[in-house]
Amino acid sequence: MNKFEFGQKVRITHKFVRTTRFIGKRGGNDILVRWRVWSVNSFNKVGLYIGQRTLADGIIEDGDYDEGRFFVPKKYIEAALVVYSLNENPVYVPLDSIFEYEESKNL
């Protein structure tokens, strides 16, 4: 159960960034294998909570000639979706890095 509502002002301290790492080749067929993971980067912003998503870490393989490229999920991660600017895409935020926004009374 999520404690945030759509459009609620929140403060975030980290965000997820998708990275792809080359693992190697499978078999003798020169089939490339890559590991796609979501890593956490520091990111201090105030924004609006707009939802929750499920992300997946896994392996990307180039299949045989008739298969094409495919993704095999290995781990699932829950993330909040937060928008912080009209001109930027929303960011995925770890659920332990999102907090209720408290305005300072000194402003």
PDB file of N, CA and C in Angstrom:
ATOM      1  N   MET A   1       0.849  -1.189   0.000  1.00  0.00           N
ATOM      2  CA  MET A   1       0.000   0.000   0.000  1.00  0.00           C
ATOM      3  C   MET A   1       0.887   1.242   0.000  1.00  0.00           C
ATOM      4  N   ASN A   2       0.562   2.176  -0.858  1.00  0.00           N
ATOM      5  CA  ASN A   2       1.367   3.382  -0.988  1.00  0.00           C
ATOM      6  C   ASN A   2       0.769   4.500  -0.153  1.00  0.00           C
ATOM      7  N   LYS A   3       1.627   5.298   0.480  1.00  0.00           N
ATOM      8  CA  LYS A   3       1.144   6.373   1.336  1.00  0.00           C
ATOM      9  C   LYS A   3       1.022   7.708   0.621  1.00  0.00           C
ATOM     10  N   PHE A   4       1.370   7.773  -0.649  1.00  0.00           N
ATOM     11  CA  PHE A   4       1.307   9.025  -1.393  1.00  0.00           C
ATOM     12  C   PHE A   4       0.115   9.015  -2.345  1.00  0.00           C
ATOM     13  N   GLU A   5      -0.435  10.189  -2.596  1.00  0.00           N
ATOM     14  CA  GLU A   5      -1.561  10.343  -3.504  1.00  0.00           C
ATOM     15  C   GLU A   5      -1.094  11.043  -4.780  1.00  0.00           C
ATOM     16  N   PHE A   6      -1.826  10.815  -5.866  1.00  0.00           N
ATOM     17  CA  PHE A   6      -1.508  11.434  -7.149  1.00  0.00           C
ATOM     18  C   PHE A   6      -1.471  12.956  -6.984  1.00  0.00           C
ATOM     19  N   GLY A   7      -0.368  13.572  -7.429  1.00  0.00           N
ATOM     20  CA  GLY A   7      -0.226  15.020  -7.366  1.00  0.00           C
ATOM     21  C   GLY A   7       0.316  15.556  -6.054  1.00  0.00           C
ATOM     22  N   GLN A   8       0.629  14.685  -5.104  1.00  0.00           N
ATOM     23  CA  GLN A   8       1.152  15.128  -3.813  1.00  0.00           C
ATOM     24  C   GLN A   8       2.598  15.592  -3.972  1.00  0.00           C
ATOM     25  N   LYS A   9       2.931  16.691  -3.303  1.00  0.00           N
ATOM     26  CA  LYS A   9       4.294  17.230  -3.345  1.00  0.00           C
ATOM     27  C   LYS A   9       5.201  16.373  -2.478  1.00  0.00           C
ATOM     28  N   VAL A  10       6.340  15.931  -3.054  1.00  0.00           N
ATOM     29  CA  VAL A  10       7.259  15.041  -2.349  1.00  0.00           C
ATOM     30  C   VAL A  10       8.699  15.524  -2.522  1.00  0.00           C
ATOM     31  N   ARG A  11       9.575  15.041  -1.636  1.00  0.00           N
ATOM     32  CA  ARG A  11      11.005  15.303  -1.717  1.00  0.00           C
ATOM     33  C   ARG A  11      11.688  13.970  -2.002  1.00  0.00           C
ATOM     34  N   ILE A  12      12.608  13.959  -2.980  1.00  0.00           N
ATOM     35  CA  ILE A  12      13.317  12.723  -3.315  1.00  0.00           C
ATOM     36  C   ILE A  12      14.815  12.915  -3.105  1.00  0.00           C
ATOM     37  N   THR A  13      15.494  11.813  -2.739  1.00  0.00           N
ATOM     38  CA  THR A  13      16.935  11.887  -2.471  1.00  0.00           C
ATOM     39  C   THR A  13      17.753  11.038  -3.441  1.00  0.00           C
ATOM     40  N   HIS A  14      17.126  10.104  -4.139  1.00  0.00           N
ATOM     41  CA  HIS A  14      17.815   9.239  -5.098  1.00  0.00           C
ATOM     42  C   HIS A  14      16.884   8.942  -6.268  1.00  0.00           C
ATOM     43  N   LYS A  15      17.458   8.513  -7.384  1.00  0.00           N
ATOM     44  CA  LYS A  15      16.663   8.089  -8.532  1.00  0.00           C
ATOM     45  C   LYS A  15      17.300   6.859  -9.151  1.00  0.00           C
ATOM     46  N   PHE A  16      16.497   6.099  -9.891  1.00  0.00           N
ATOM     47  CA  PHE A  16      17.002   4.949 -10.632  1.00  0.00           C
ATOM     48  C   PHE A  16      17.490   5.392 -12.007  1.00  0.00           C
ATOM     49  N   VAL A  17      18.601   4.824 -12.456  1.00  0.00           N
ATOM     50  CA  VAL A  17      19.135   5.062 -13.796  1.00  0.00           C
ATOM     51  C   VAL A  17      19.393   3.699 -14.426  1.00  0.00           C
ATOM     52  N   ARG A  18      18.898   3.498 -15.628  1.00  0.00           N
ATOM     53  CA  ARG A  18      19.092   2.214 -16.304  1.00  0.00           C
ATOM     54  C   ARG A  18      20.464   2.167 -16.951  1.00  0.00           C
ATOM     55  N   THR A  19      21.204   1.109 -16.683  1.00  0.00           N
ATOM     56  CA  THR A  19      22.521   0.918 -17.281  1.00  0.00           C
ATOM     57  C   THR A  19      22.574  -0.457 -17.933  1.00  0.00           C
ATOM     58  N   THR A  20      23.373  -0.555 -18.970  1.00  0.00           N
ATOM     59  CA  THR A  20      23.544  -1.823 -19.677  1.00  0.00           C
ATOM     60  C   THR A  20      25.022  -2.182 -19.657  1.00  0.00           C
ATOM     61  N   ARG A  21      25.313  -3.402 -19.247  1.00  0.00           N
ATOM     62  CA  ARG A  21      26.697  -3.874 -19.177  1.00  0.00           C
ATOM     63  C   ARG A  21      26.855  -5.086 -20.084  1.00  0.00           C
ATOM     64  N   PHE A  22      27.930  -5.098 -20.834  1.00  0.00           N
ATOM     65  CA  PHE A  22      28.241  -6.220 -21.720  1.00  0.00           C
ATOM     66  C   PHE A  22      28.759  -7.379 -20.882  1.00  0.00           C
ATOM     67  N   ILE A  23      28.177  -8.552 -21.047  1.00  0.00           N
ATOM     68  CA  ILE A  23      28.609  -9.738 -20.307  1.00  0.00           C
ATOM     69  C   ILE A  23      29.564 -10.572 -21.145  1.00  0.00           C
ATOM     70  N   GLY A  24      29.200 -10.842 -22.365  1.00  0.00           N
ATOM     71  CA  GLY A  24      30.044 -11.674 -23.212  1.00  0.00           C
ATOM     72  C   GLY A  24      29.246 -12.257 -24.361  1.00  0.00           C
ATOM     73  N   LYS A  25      29.736 -13.360 -24.871  1.00  0.00           N
ATOM     74  CA  LYS A  25      29.079 -14.034 -25.985  1.00  0.00           C
ATOM     75  C   LYS A  25      28.608 -15.401 -25.527  1.00  0.00           C
ATOM     76  N   ARG A  26      27.485 -15.832 -26.063  1.00  0.00           N
ATOM     77  CA  ARG A  26      26.911 -17.123 -25.711  1.00  0.00           C
ATOM     78  C   ARG A  26      27.227 -18.115 -26.815  1.00  0.00           C
ATOM     79  N   GLY A  27      27.765 -19.242 -26.407  1.00  0.00           N
ATOM     80  CA  GLY A  27      28.058 -20.288 -27.387  1.00  0.00           C
ATOM     81  C   GLY A  27      29.137 -19.857 -28.369  1.00  0.00           C
ATOM     82  N   GLY A  28      29.202 -20.525 -29.458  1.00  0.00           N
ATOM     83  CA  GLY A  28      30.171 -20.180 -30.483  1.00  0.00           C
ATOM     84  C   GLY A  28      29.539 -19.386 -31.607  1.00  0.00           C
ATOM     85  N   ASN A  29      28.309 -18.929 -31.402  1.00  0.00           N
ATOM     86  CA  ASN A  29      27.555 -18.270 -32.473  1.00  0.00           C
ATOM     87  C   ASN A  29      27.740 -16.762 -32.506  1.00  0.00           C
ATOM     88  N   ASP A  30      28.615 -16.216 -31.647  1.00  0.00           N
ATOM     89  CA  ASP A  30      28.785 -14.760 -31.533  1.00  0.00           C
ATOM     90  C   ASP A  30      27.482 -14.058 -31.158  1.00  0.00           C
ATOM     91  N   ILE A  31      26.687 -14.674 -30.289  1.00  0.00           N
ATOM     92  CA  ILE A  31      25.452 -14.057 -29.808  1.00  0.00           C
ATOM     93  C   ILE A  31      25.801 -13.220 -28.586  1.00  0.00           C
ATOM     94  N   LEU A  32      25.577 -11.912 -28.666  1.00  0.00           N
ATOM     95  CA  LEU A  32      25.931 -11.000 -27.589  1.00  0.00           C
ATOM     96  C   LEU A  32      24.951 -11.135 -26.426  1.00  0.00           C
ATOM     97  N   VAL A  33      25.479 -11.025 -25.203  1.00  0.00           N
ATOM     98  CA  VAL A  33      24.662 -11.065 -23.997  1.00  0.00           C
ATOM     99  C   VAL A  33      24.990  -9.832 -23.165  1.00  0.00           C
ATOM    100  N   ARG A  34      23.947  -9.085 -22.787  1.00  0.00           N
ATOM    101  CA  ARG A  34      24.121  -7.868 -21.993  1.00  0.00           C
ATOM    102  C   ARG A  34      23.243  -7.954 -20.749  1.00  0.00           C
ATOM    103  N   TRP A  35      23.705  -7.337 -19.664  1.00  0.00           N
ATOM    104  CA  TRP A  35      22.973  -7.296 -18.412  1.00  0.00           C
ATOM    105  C   TRP A  35      22.411  -5.890 -18.259  1.00  0.00           C
ATOM    106  N   ARG A  36      21.078  -5.752 -18.183  1.00  0.00           N
ATOM    107  CA  ARG A  36      20.447  -4.437 -18.008  1.00  0.00           C
ATOM    108  C   ARG A  36      19.967  -4.323 -16.572  1.00  0.00           C
ATOM    109  N   VAL A  37      20.492  -3.346 -15.843  1.00  0.00           N
ATOM    110  CA  VAL A  37      20.154  -3.172 -14.434  1.00  0.00           C
ATOM    111  C   VAL A  37      19.757  -1.721 -14.159  1.00  0.00           C
ATOM    112  N   TRP A  38      19.021  -1.545 -13.075  1.00  0.00           N
ATOM    113  CA  TRP A  38      18.652  -0.220 -12.593  1.00  0.00           C
ATOM    114  C   TRP A  38      19.553   0.094 -11.400  1.00  0.00           C
ATOM    115  N   SER A  39      20.438   1.078 -11.544  1.00  0.00           N
ATOM    116  CA  SER A  39      21.319   1.482 -10.448  1.00  0.00           C
ATOM    117  C   SER A  39      20.757   2.753  -9.807  1.00  0.00           C
ATOM    118  N   VAL A  40      21.174   3.030  -8.584  1.00  0.00           N
ATOM    119  CA  VAL A  40      20.658   4.163  -7.821  1.00  0.00           C
ATOM    120  C   VAL A  40      21.688   5.283  -7.807  1.00  0.00           C
ATOM    121  N   ASN A  41      21.255   6.492  -8.175  1.00  0.00           N
ATOM    122  CA  ASN A  41      22.112   7.679  -8.150  1.00  0.00           C
ATOM    123  C   ASN A  41      21.526   8.707  -7.195  1.00  0.00           C
ATOM    124  N   SER A  42      22.382   9.494  -6.562  1.00  0.00           N
ATOM    125  CA  SER A  42      21.932  10.572  -5.694  1.00  0.00           C
ATOM    126  C   SER A  42      21.237  11.644  -6.534  1.00  0.00           C
ATOM    127  N   PHE A  43      20.111  12.174  -6.031  1.00  0.00           N
ATOM    128  CA  PHE A  43      19.316  13.119  -6.823  1.00  0.00           C
ATOM    129  C   PHE A  43      18.360  13.833  -5.871  1.00  0.00           C
ATOM    130  N   ASN A  44      18.690  15.044  -5.436  1.00  0.00           N
ATOM    131  CA  ASN A  44      17.855  15.789  -4.486  1.00  0.00           C
ATOM    132  C   ASN A  44      16.983  16.792  -5.218  1.00  0.00           C
ATOM    133  N   LYS A  45      15.677  16.529  -5.214  1.00  0.00           N
ATOM    134  CA  LYS A  45      14.707  17.402  -5.885  1.00  0.00           C
ATOM    135  C   LYS A  45      13.395  17.382  -5.122  1.00  0.00           C
ATOM    136  N   VAL A  46      12.547  18.325  -5.447  1.00  0.00           N
ATOM    137  CA  VAL A  46      11.162  18.352  -4.980  1.00  0.00           C
ATOM    138  C   VAL A  46      10.289  18.221  -6.211  1.00  0.00           C
ATOM    139  N   GLY A  47       9.283  17.353  -6.140  1.00  0.00           N
ATOM    140  CA  GLY A  47       8.431  17.139  -7.301  1.00  0.00           C
ATOM    141  C   GLY A  47       7.057  16.659  -6.903  1.00  0.00           C
ATOM    142  N   LEU A  48       6.311  16.171  -7.890  1.00  0.00           N
ATOM    143  CA  LEU A  48       4.964  15.655  -7.671  1.00  0.00           C
ATOM    144  C   LEU A  48       4.941  14.159  -7.916  1.00  0.00           C
ATOM    145  N   TYR A  49       4.329  13.434  -6.993  1.00  0.00           N
ATOM    146  CA  TYR A  49       4.167  11.980  -7.128  1.00  0.00           C
ATOM    147  C   TYR A  49       3.073  11.719  -8.157  1.00  0.00           C
ATOM    148  N   ILE A  50       3.376  10.887  -9.167  1.00  0.00           N
ATOM    149  CA  ILE A  50       2.357  10.606 -10.193  1.00  0.00           C
ATOM    150  C   ILE A  50       2.066   9.124 -10.363  1.00  0.00           C
ATOM    151  N   GLY A  51       2.708   8.258  -9.590  1.00  0.00           N
ATOM    152  CA  GLY A  51       2.370   6.846  -9.695  1.00  0.00           C
ATOM    153  C   GLY A  51       3.474   5.929  -9.211  1.00  0.00           C
ATOM    154  N   GLN A  52       3.212   4.634  -9.382  1.00  0.00           N
ATOM    155  CA  GLN A  52       4.173   3.612  -8.985  1.00  0.00           C
ATOM    156  C   GLN A  52       4.324   2.625 -10.132  1.00  0.00           C
ATOM    157  N   ARG A  53       5.543   2.151 -10.348  1.00  0.00           N
ATOM    158  CA  ARG A  53       5.837   1.242 -11.457  1.00  0.00           C
ATOM    159  C   ARG A  53       6.675   0.077 -10.966  1.00  0.00           C
ATOM    160  N   THR A  54       6.703  -0.984 -11.765  1.00  0.00           N
ATOM    161  CA  THR A  54       7.559  -2.128 -11.511  1.00  0.00           C
ATOM    162  C   THR A  54       8.648  -2.148 -12.574  1.00  0.00           C
ATOM    163  N   LEU A  55       9.909  -2.125 -12.152  1.00  0.00           N
ATOM    164  CA  LEU A  55      11.061  -2.163 -13.051  1.00  0.00           C
ATOM    165  C   LEU A  55      11.653  -3.567 -13.005  1.00  0.00           C
ATOM    166  N   ALA A  56      12.431  -3.925 -14.006  1.00  0.00           N
ATOM    167  CA  ALA A  56      13.022  -5.265 -14.045  1.00  0.00           C
ATOM    168  C   ALA A  56      14.499  -5.201 -14.412  1.00  0.00           C
ATOM    169  N   ASP A  57      15.322  -5.923 -13.648  1.00  0.00           N
ATOM    170  CA  ASP A  57      16.711  -6.187 -14.010  1.00  0.00           C
ATOM    171  C   ASP A  57      16.726  -7.492 -14.783  1.00  0.00           C
ATOM    172  N   GLY A  58      17.592  -7.601 -15.779  1.00  0.00           N
ATOM    173  CA  GLY A  58      17.631  -8.847 -16.518  1.00  0.00           C
ATOM    174  C   GLY A  58      18.700  -8.881 -17.585  1.00  0.00           C
ATOM    175  N   ILE A  59      18.585  -9.882 -18.439  1.00  0.00           N
ATOM    176  CA  ILE A  59      19.568 -10.139 -19.490  1.00  0.00           C
ATOM    177  C   ILE A  59      18.950  -9.854 -20.853  1.00  0.00           C
ATOM    178  N   ILE A  60      19.702  -9.159 -21.700  1.00  0.00           N
ATOM    179  CA  ILE A  60      19.304  -8.932 -23.089  1.00  0.00           C
ATOM    180  C   ILE A  60      20.176  -9.838 -23.950  1.00  0.00           C
ATOM    181  N   GLU A  61      19.561 -10.660 -24.757  1.00  0.00           N
ATOM    182  CA  GLU A  61      20.309 -11.555 -25.646  1.00  0.00           C
ATOM    183  C   GLU A  61      19.929 -11.279 -27.087  1.00  0.00           C
ATOM    184  N   ASP A  62      20.921 -11.340 -27.941  1.00  0.00           N
ATOM    185  CA  ASP A  62      20.664 -11.330 -29.375  1.00  0.00           C
ATOM    186  C   ASP A  62      20.454 -12.772 -29.772  1.00  0.00           C
ATOM    187  N   GLY A  63      19.239 -13.099 -30.167  1.00  0.00           N
ATOM    188  CA  GLY A  63      18.935 -14.471 -30.534  1.00  0.00           C
ATOM    189  C   GLY A  63      19.501 -14.841 -31.888  1.00  0.00           C
ATOM    190  N   ASP A  64      19.112 -15.994 -32.358  1.00  0.00           N
ATOM    191  CA  ASP A  64      19.523 -16.428 -33.688  1.00  0.00           C
ATOM    192  C   ASP A  64      18.910 -15.508 -34.736  1.00  0.00           C
ATOM    193  N   TYR A  65      19.194 -15.772 -35.971  1.00  0.00           N
ATOM    194  CA  TYR A  65      18.759 -14.918 -37.075  1.00  0.00           C
ATOM    195  C   TYR A  65      17.257 -14.663 -37.059  1.00  0.00           C
ATOM    196  N   ASP A  66      16.454 -15.678 -36.792  1.00  0.00           N
ATOM    197  CA  ASP A  66      14.999 -15.521 -36.861  1.00  0.00           C
ATOM    198  C   ASP A  66      14.368 -15.109 -35.525  1.00  0.00           C
ATOM    199  N   GLU A  67      15.146 -15.046 -34.445  1.00  0.00           N
ATOM    200  CA  GLU A  67      14.598 -14.692 -33.138  1.00  0.00           C
ATOM    201  C   GLU A  67      14.679 -13.206 -32.828  1.00  0.00           C
ATOM    202  N   GLY A  68      15.717 -12.538 -33.241  1.00  0.00           N
ATOM    203  CA  GLY A  68      15.916 -11.138 -32.888  1.00  0.00           C
ATOM    204  C   GLY A  68      16.424 -10.989 -31.472  1.00  0.00           C
ATOM    205  N   ARG A  69      16.282  -9.817 -30.908  1.00  0.00           N
ATOM    206  CA  ARG A  69      16.759  -9.522 -29.555  1.00  0.00           C
ATOM    207  C   ARG A  69      15.618  -9.750 -28.562  1.00  0.00           C
ATOM    208  N   PHE A  70      15.941 -10.299 -27.379  1.00  0.00           N
ATOM    209  CA  PHE A  70      14.900 -10.500 -26.368  1.00  0.00           C
ATOM    210  C   PHE A  70      15.451 -10.240 -24.971  1.00  0.00           C
ATOM    211  N   PHE A  71      14.535  -9.922 -24.048  1.00  0.00           N
ATOM    212  CA  PHE A  71      14.864  -9.574 -22.665  1.00  0.00           C
ATOM    213  C   PHE A  71      14.340 -10.659 -21.737  1.00  0.00           C
ATOM    214  N   VAL A  72      15.195 -11.126 -20.811  1.00  0.00           N
ATOM    215  CA  VAL A  72      14.810 -12.139 -19.828  1.00  0.00           C
ATOM    216  C   VAL A  72      14.921 -11.510 -18.439  1.00  0.00           C
ATOM    217  N   PRO A  73      13.783 -11.198 -17.779  1.00  0.00           N
ATOM    218  CA  PRO A  73      13.854 -10.569 -16.453  1.00  0.00           C
ATOM    219  C   PRO A  73      14.383 -11.532 -15.403  1.00  0.00           C
ATOM    220  N   LYS A  74      15.192 -11.009 -14.467  1.00  0.00           N
ATOM    221  CA  LYS A  74      15.766 -11.802 -13.383  1.00  0.00           C
ATOM    222  C   LYS A  74      15.332 -11.301 -12.005  1.00  0.00           C
ATOM    223  N   LYS A  75      14.996 -10.014 -11.901  1.00  0.00           N
ATOM    224  CA  LYS A  75      14.627  -9.422 -10.615  1.00  0.00           C
ATOM    225  C   LYS A  75      13.682  -8.255 -10.871  1.00  0.00           C
ATOM    226  N   TYR A  76      12.673  -8.094 -10.008  1.00  0.00           N
ATOM    227  CA  TYR A  76      11.710  -7.005 -10.136  1.00  0.00           C
ATOM    228  C   TYR A  76      11.888  -6.015  -8.992  1.00  0.00           C
ATOM    229  N   ILE A  77      11.713  -4.719  -9.308  1.00  0.00           N
ATOM    230  CA  ILE A  77      11.916  -3.636  -8.350  1.00  0.00           C
ATOM    231  C   ILE A  77      10.708  -2.708  -8.403  1.00  0.00           C
ATOM    232  N   GLU A  78      10.165  -2.342  -7.234  1.00  0.00           N
ATOM    233  CA  GLU A  78       9.087  -1.364  -7.172  1.00  0.00           C
ATOM    234  C   GLU A  78       9.688   0.037  -7.098  1.00  0.00           C
ATOM    235  N   ALA A  79       9.106   0.982  -7.826  1.00  0.00           N
ATOM    236  CA  ALA A  79       9.618   2.348  -7.849  1.00  0.00           C
ATOM    237  C   ALA A  79       8.462   3.336  -7.935  1.00  0.00           C
ATOM    238  N   ALA A  80       8.670   4.516  -7.342  1.00  0.00           N
ATOM    239  CA  ALA A  80       7.710   5.608  -7.475  1.00  0.00           C
ATOM    240  C   ALA A  80       8.059   6.399  -8.734  1.00  0.00           C
ATOM    241  N   LEU A  81       7.065   6.996  -9.343  1.00  0.00           N
ATOM    242  CA  LEU A  81       7.266   7.837 -10.521  1.00  0.00           C
ATOM    243  C   LEU A  81       6.999   9.280 -10.111  1.00  0.00           C
ATOM    244  N   VAL A  82       8.019  10.144 -10.260  1.00  0.00           N
ATOM    245  CA  VAL A  82       7.940  11.524  -9.788  1.00  0.00           C
ATOM    246  C   VAL A  82       8.325  12.466 -10.917  1.00  0.00           C
ATOM    247  N   VAL A  83       7.517  13.509 -11.099  1.00  0.00           N
ATOM    248  CA  VAL A  83       7.833  14.547 -12.078  1.00  0.00           C
ATOM    249  C   VAL A  83       8.282  15.786 -11.307  1.00  0.00           C
ATOM    250  N   TYR A  84       9.357  16.429 -11.785  1.00  0.00           N
ATOM    251  CA  TYR A  84       9.897  17.584 -11.064  1.00  0.00           C
ATOM    252  C   TYR A  84      10.039  18.813 -11.950  1.00  0.00           C
ATOM    253  N   SER A  85       9.716  18.695 -13.235  1.00  0.00           N
ATOM    254  CA  SER A  85       9.848  19.816 -14.158  1.00  0.00           C
ATOM    255  C   SER A  85       8.896  19.630 -15.330  1.00  0.00           C
ATOM    256  N   LEU A  86       8.449  20.724 -15.885  1.00  0.00           N
ATOM    257  CA  LEU A  86       7.594  20.654 -17.074  1.00  0.00           C
ATOM    258  C   LEU A  86       8.383  20.233 -18.309  1.00  0.00           C
ATOM    259  N   ASN A  87       9.704  20.445 -18.286  1.00  0.00           N
ATOM    260  CA  ASN A  87      10.542  20.201 -19.455  1.00  0.00           C
ATOM    261  C   ASN A  87      11.400  18.942 -19.360  1.00  0.00           C
ATOM    262  N   GLU A  88      11.245  18.174 -18.301  1.00  0.00           N
ATOM    263  CA  GLU A  88      12.040  16.958 -18.104  1.00  0.00           C
ATOM    264  C   GLU A  88      11.115  15.754 -17.956  1.00  0.00           C
ATOM    265  N   ASN A  89      11.620  14.589 -18.320  1.00  0.00           N
ATOM    266  CA  ASN A  89      10.848  13.361 -18.134  1.00  0.00           C
ATOM    267  C   ASN A  89      10.727  13.032 -16.650  1.00  0.00           C
ATOM    268  N   PRO A  90       9.658  12.330 -16.266  1.00  0.00           N
ATOM    269  CA  PRO A  90       9.571  11.865 -14.874  1.00  0.00           C
ATOM    270  C   PRO A  90      10.714  10.903 -14.562  1.00  0.00           C
ATOM    271  N   VAL A  91      11.037  10.761 -13.279  1.00  0.00           N
ATOM    272  CA  VAL A  91      12.107   9.864 -12.857  1.00  0.00           C
ATOM    273  C   VAL A  91      11.533   8.741 -12.000  1.00  0.00           C
ATOM    274  N   TYR A  92      12.201   7.596 -12.039  1.00  0.00           N
ATOM    275  CA  TYR A  92      11.867   6.476 -11.168  1.00  0.00           C
ATOM    276  C   TYR A  92      12.652   6.644  -9.872  1.00  0.00           C
ATOM    277  N   VAL A  93      11.977   6.486  -8.738  1.00  0.00           N
ATOM    278  CA  VAL A  93      12.577   6.739  -7.437  1.00  0.00           C
ATOM    279  C   VAL A  93      12.415   5.500  -6.554  1.00  0.00           C
ATOM    280  N   PRO A  94      13.492   5.056  -5.867  1.00  0.00           N
ATOM    281  CA  PRO A  94      13.324   3.952  -4.912  1.00  0.00           C
ATOM    282  C   PRO A  94      12.312   4.340  -3.836  1.00  0.00           C
ATOM    283  N   LEU A  95      11.499   3.386  -3.406  1.00  0.00           N
ATOM    284  CA  LEU A  95      10.444   3.697  -2.437  1.00  0.00           C
ATOM    285  C   LEU A  95      10.988   4.163  -1.093  1.00  0.00           C
ATOM    286  N   ASP A  96      12.238   3.825  -0.768  1.00  0.00           N
ATOM    287  CA  ASP A  96      12.825   4.292   0.492  1.00  0.00           C
ATOM    288  C   ASP A  96      13.517   5.651   0.342  1.00  0.00           C
ATOM    289  N   SER A  97      13.415   6.286  -0.833  1.00  0.00           N
ATOM    290  CA  SER A  97      14.058   7.586  -1.085  1.00  0.00           C
ATOM    291  C   SER A  97      13.053   8.680  -1.406  1.00  0.00           C
ATOM    292  N   ILE A  98      11.798   8.460  -1.059  1.00  0.00           N
ATOM    293  CA  ILE A  98      10.755   9.451  -1.308  1.00  0.00           C
ATOM    294  C   ILE A  98      10.094   9.800   0.018  1.00  0.00           C
ATOM    295  N   PHE A  99       9.940  11.115   0.259  1.00  0.00           N
ATOM    296  CA  PHE A  99       9.434  11.586   1.547  1.00  0.00           C
ATOM    297  C   PHE A  99       8.396  12.670   1.320  1.00  0.00           C
ATOM    298  N   GLU A 100       7.520  12.852   2.311  1.00  0.00           N
ATOM    299  CA  GLU A 100       6.554  13.947   2.242  1.00  0.00           C
ATOM    300  C   GLU A 100       7.310  15.269   2.291  1.00  0.00           C
ATOM    301  N   TYR A 101       6.848  16.229   1.499  1.00  0.00           N
ATOM    302  CA  TYR A 101       7.508  17.535   1.459  1.00  0.00           C
ATOM    303  C   TYR A 101       6.968  18.396   2.588  1.00  0.00           C
ATOM    304  N   GLU A 102       7.874  18.995   3.360  1.00  0.00           N
ATOM    305  CA  GLU A 102       7.502  19.897   4.433  1.00  0.00           C
ATOM    306  C   GLU A 102       8.096  21.257   4.117  1.00  0.00           C
ATOM    307  N   GLU A 103       7.237  22.246   3.891  1.00  0.00           N
ATOM    308  CA  GLU A 103       7.728  23.578   3.557  1.00  0.00           C
ATOM    309  C   GLU A 103       8.311  24.239   4.797  1.00  0.00           C
ATOM    310  N   SER A 104       9.412  24.928   4.589  1.00  0.00           N
ATOM    311  CA  SER A 104      10.046  25.658   5.689  1.00  0.00           C
ATOM    312  C   SER A 104       9.228  26.904   6.000  1.00  0.00           C
ATOM    313  N   LYS A 105       9.065  27.207   7.271  1.00  0.00           N
ATOM    314  CA  LYS A 105       8.287  28.394   7.667  1.00  0.00           C
ATOM    315  C   LYS A 105       9.113  29.658   7.572  1.00  0.00           C
ATOM    316  N   ASN A 106      10.410  29.526   7.243  1.00  0.00           N
ATOM    317  CA  ASN A 106      11.291  30.693   7.144  1.00  0.00           C
ATOM    318  C   ASN A 106      11.265  31.342   5.768  1.00  0.00           C
ATOM    319  N   LEU A 107      10.558  30.748   4.812  1.00  0.00           N
ATOM    320  CA  LEU A 107      10.556  31.287   3.456  1.00  0.00           C
ATOM    321  C   LEU A 107       9.634  32.457   3.299  1.00  0.00           C
TER     322      LEU A 107
END
